[in-house]
Amino acid sequence: MQIMSDVVLKLLTRFPMARWSSVPLRLIVGFGFMQHGFAKLSRGPDAFVAILQTMGVPQAHFMAWLTILTELLGGLAVLLGAFVTIVSVPMMAVLLVAMFKVHLPYGFSSIKLLAVTATGAKFGPVGYEVILVYLACLAALVIGGAGPFAIDGLIGRHLDARRRDSDCTKGFDHERNVRRGRSQ
């Protein structure tokens, strides 16, 4: 019986900490997406346009900018915990396109050590492992919420307060109308 009590106590004390689990997910996913967007900008968007044209992506210029903006703005939104459910959709689309158009032929593993030379380690093409990790993180954020220190939480609290104030006002108006004999 004592063991069962200890297990229940351990589970109950863990849940207050569990709400913080989304914070590191937001930080790494948001930063990672922004880093990829900045990398495309730093090489020049035309370099990414050329890659997309080589892959046969239609409207490569438009798609390049759409991808860059999705990575930059979506990454920032996730980092801040703002509109996570909404921005996750285009972010997941970017990931799925990257997985199926680029990474799938190289297999699962993201680390393919080819050789270690005097200049350092040499790696082969990256597989789709990291793409799946990003997809899982975004899914966890959509399912579990953005967590503490998130703009989504501030928006939710603001909307709840407005709804509560509206409900209180309606209740007050209804009571006043009943006293005056104007009940509807």
Protein backbone atom coordinates (compact mmCIF):
# COMPACT_ATOMS: atom_id res chain seq x y z
CA MET A 1 0.00 0.00 0.00
CA GLN A 2 2.88 2.35 0.79
CA ILE A 3 4.36 1.74 -2.68
CA MET A 4 1.06 2.67 -4.33
CA SER A 5 0.86 5.82 -2.22
CA ASP A 6 4.42 6.78 -3.22
CA VAL A 7 3.64 6.28 -6.91
CA VAL A 8 0.50 8.43 -6.69
CA LEU A 9 2.39 11.13 -4.79
CA LYS A 10 5.18 11.11 -7.36
CA LEU A 11 2.68 11.45 -10.23
CA LEU A 12 0.82 14.27 -8.51
CA THR A 13 3.99 16.25 -7.85
CA ARG A 14 5.20 15.81 -11.42
CA PHE A 15 2.21 17.38 -13.13
CA PRO A 16 2.95 20.96 -12.03
CA MET A 17 6.32 20.66 -13.76
CA ALA A 18 4.86 19.00 -16.87
CA ARG A 19 3.28 22.26 -18.03
CA TRP A 20 6.80 23.62 -18.59
CA SER A 21 7.69 20.87 -21.08
CA SER A 22 6.53 22.94 -24.04
CA VAL A 23 9.00 25.77 -23.33
CA PRO A 24 12.16 23.94 -24.51
CA LEU A 25 10.21 22.60 -27.50
CA ARG A 26 9.18 26.13 -28.47
CA LEU A 27 12.71 27.44 -28.04
CA ILE A 28 14.46 24.81 -30.14
CA VAL A 29 11.81 24.58 -32.87
CA GLY A 30 11.43 28.35 -33.14
CA PHE A 31 15.17 28.96 -33.15
CA GLY A 32 15.78 26.09 -35.59
CA PHE A 33 13.24 27.37 -38.11
CA MET A 34 14.51 30.93 -37.85
CA GLN A 35 18.09 29.72 -38.32
CA HIS A 36 17.11 27.91 -41.53
CA GLY A 37 15.32 31.03 -42.79
CA PHE A 38 18.32 33.25 -41.97
CA ALA A 39 20.66 30.77 -43.71
CA LYS A 40 18.59 31.03 -46.90
CA LEU A 41 18.64 34.83 -46.68
CA SER A 42 22.38 35.00 -45.97
CA ARG A 43 23.19 32.93 -49.07
CA GLY A 44 20.84 35.12 -51.03
CA PRO A 45 17.26 34.14 -51.84
CA ASP A 46 18.22 33.62 -55.49
CA ALA A 47 20.44 30.69 -54.46
CA PHE A 48 17.42 29.02 -52.88
CA VAL A 49 15.31 29.88 -55.93
CA ALA A 50 17.89 28.09 -58.11
CA ILE A 51 17.71 25.01 -55.89
CA LEU A 52 13.91 24.96 -56.13
CA GLN A 53 14.05 25.38 -59.91
CA THR A 54 16.47 22.45 -60.16
CA MET A 55 14.04 20.34 -58.12
CA GLY A 56 11.21 21.29 -60.51
CA VAL A 57 9.19 23.27 -57.97
CA PRO A 58 6.61 25.43 -59.79
CA GLN A 59 6.80 29.20 -59.25
CA ALA A 60 10.19 28.76 -57.61
CA HIS A 61 10.68 32.44 -56.81
CA PHE A 62 7.33 32.71 -55.02
CA MET A 63 7.83 29.37 -53.23
CA ALA A 64 11.33 30.35 -52.11
CA TRP A 65 10.07 33.51 -50.47
CA LEU A 66 7.06 31.71 -49.02
CA THR A 67 9.39 29.12 -47.48
CA ILE A 68 11.79 31.75 -46.11
CA LEU A 69 8.97 33.79 -44.60
CA THR A 70 7.36 30.65 -43.15
CA GLU A 71 10.65 29.72 -41.52
CA LEU A 72 11.35 33.21 -40.18
CA LEU A 73 7.87 34.29 -39.10
CA GLY A 74 6.66 30.82 -38.14
CA GLY A 75 9.83 30.25 -36.14
CA LEU A 76 9.40 33.57 -34.35
CA ALA A 77 5.74 32.82 -33.62
CA VAL A 78 6.59 29.40 -32.15
CA LEU A 79 9.47 30.90 -30.16
CA LEU A 80 7.06 33.44 -28.64
CA GLY A 81 4.23 30.93 -28.31
CA ALA A 82 1.97 32.96 -30.58
CA PHE A 83 -0.68 31.32 -32.77
CA VAL A 84 1.20 28.01 -32.51
CA THR A 85 -1.65 25.89 -33.86
CA ILE A 86 -2.13 28.15 -36.88
CA VAL A 87 1.54 28.62 -37.83
CA SER A 88 2.26 24.91 -37.35
CA VAL A 89 0.29 24.06 -40.49
CA PRO A 90 2.53 25.86 -43.02
CA MET A 91 5.62 24.90 -41.00
CA MET A 92 4.65 21.23 -41.21
CA ALA A 93 4.02 21.65 -44.95
CA VAL A 94 7.56 23.01 -45.40
CA LEU A 95 8.94 20.07 -43.43
CA LEU A 96 6.97 17.48 -45.41
CA VAL A 97 8.06 18.95 -48.74
CA ALA A 98 11.68 18.95 -47.56
CA MET A 99 11.37 15.36 -46.39
CA PHE A 100 9.79 13.97 -49.55
CA LYS A 101 11.63 16.13 -52.12
CA VAL A 102 15.11 16.23 -50.52
CA HIS A 103 15.84 13.97 -47.55
CA LEU A 104 13.89 10.74 -48.18
CA PRO A 105 16.38 9.19 -50.67
CA TYR A 106 19.14 9.47 -48.04
CA GLY A 107 17.40 7.24 -45.50
CA PHE A 108 16.47 7.82 -41.89
CA SER A 109 19.72 8.79 -40.20
CA SER A 110 20.72 12.42 -40.01
CA ILE A 111 24.33 11.59 -39.23
CA LYS A 112 26.30 9.74 -41.88
CA LEU A 113 29.96 9.83 -40.90
CA LEU A 114 31.98 9.30 -44.09
CA ALA A 115 35.48 9.93 -42.79
CA VAL A 116 37.55 11.69 -40.22
CA THR A 117 40.41 13.65 -41.74
CA ALA A 118 43.00 16.09 -40.46
CA THR A 119 40.50 18.91 -41.12
CA GLY A 120 37.73 17.19 -39.17
CA ALA A 121 34.78 14.89 -39.66
CA LYS A 122 33.17 14.57 -43.10
CA PHE A 123 29.48 13.80 -43.26
CA GLY A 124 27.23 12.53 -46.03
CA PRO A 125 23.76 13.74 -47.02
CA VAL A 126 21.25 14.21 -44.22
CA GLY A 127 18.30 11.81 -43.91
CA TYR A 128 14.81 12.59 -42.69
CA GLU A 129 15.32 11.87 -38.97
CA VAL A 130 15.50 15.53 -37.89
CA ILE A 131 12.44 16.35 -40.02
CA LEU A 132 10.46 13.77 -38.03
CA VAL A 133 11.73 15.26 -34.77
CA TYR A 134 10.57 18.74 -35.84
CA LEU A 135 7.18 17.32 -36.90
CA ALA A 136 6.81 15.55 -33.54
CA CYS A 137 7.71 18.73 -31.64
CA LEU A 138 5.17 20.79 -33.58
CA ALA A 139 2.52 18.11 -33.03
CA ALA A 140 3.30 18.10 -29.29
CA LEU A 141 2.92 21.89 -29.18
CA VAL A 142 -0.39 21.77 -31.05
CA ILE A 143 -1.75 19.01 -28.81
CA GLY A 144 -0.32 20.19 -25.50
CA GLY A 145 -0.44 23.92 -26.02
CA ALA A 146 2.26 26.57 -26.06
CA GLY A 147 2.73 26.48 -22.29
CA PRO A 148 3.91 29.19 -19.90
CA PHE A 149 5.31 32.52 -21.09
CA ALA A 150 3.40 32.17 -24.35
CA ILE A 151 1.48 34.85 -26.18
CA ASP A 152 -1.26 32.26 -26.82
CA GLY A 153 -1.82 32.10 -23.05
CA LEU A 154 -2.08 35.88 -22.79
CA ILE A 155 -4.57 35.98 -25.64
CA GLY A 156 -6.59 33.17 -24.07
CA ARG A 157 -6.71 34.90 -20.70
CA HIS A 158 -7.74 38.17 -22.35
CA LEU A 159 -10.55 36.48 -24.28
CA ASP A 160 -11.71 34.64 -21.15
CA ALA A 161 -11.79 37.91 -19.22
CA ARG A 162 -13.81 39.61 -21.97
CA ARG A 163 -16.21 36.68 -22.11
CA ARG A 164 -16.58 36.71 -18.31
CA ASP A 165 -17.17 40.47 -18.31
CA SER A 166 -19.72 40.09 -21.10
CA ASP A 167 -21.51 37.28 -19.23
CA CYS A 168 -21.55 39.35 -16.03
CA THR A 169 -22.95 42.36 -17.88
CA LYS A 170 -25.63 40.23 -19.55
CA GLY A 171 -26.57 38.76 -16.18
CA PHE A 172 -26.73 42.22 -14.61
CA ASP A 173 -28.86 43.60 -17.47
CA HIS A 174 -31.18 40.59 -17.29
CA GLU A 175 -31.65 41.01 -13.52
CA ARG A 176 -32.30 44.74 -13.90
CA ASN A 177 -34.87 44.08 -16.65
CA VAL A 178 -36.60 41.43 -14.51
CA ARG A 179 -36.93 43.94 -11.64
CA ARG A 180 -38.42 46.47 -14.05
CA GLY A 181 -40.82 43.88 -15.47
CA ARG A 182 -39.19 43.74 -18.92
CA SER A 183 -38.07 40.12 -18.87
CA GLN A 184 -37.62 38.53 -22.28
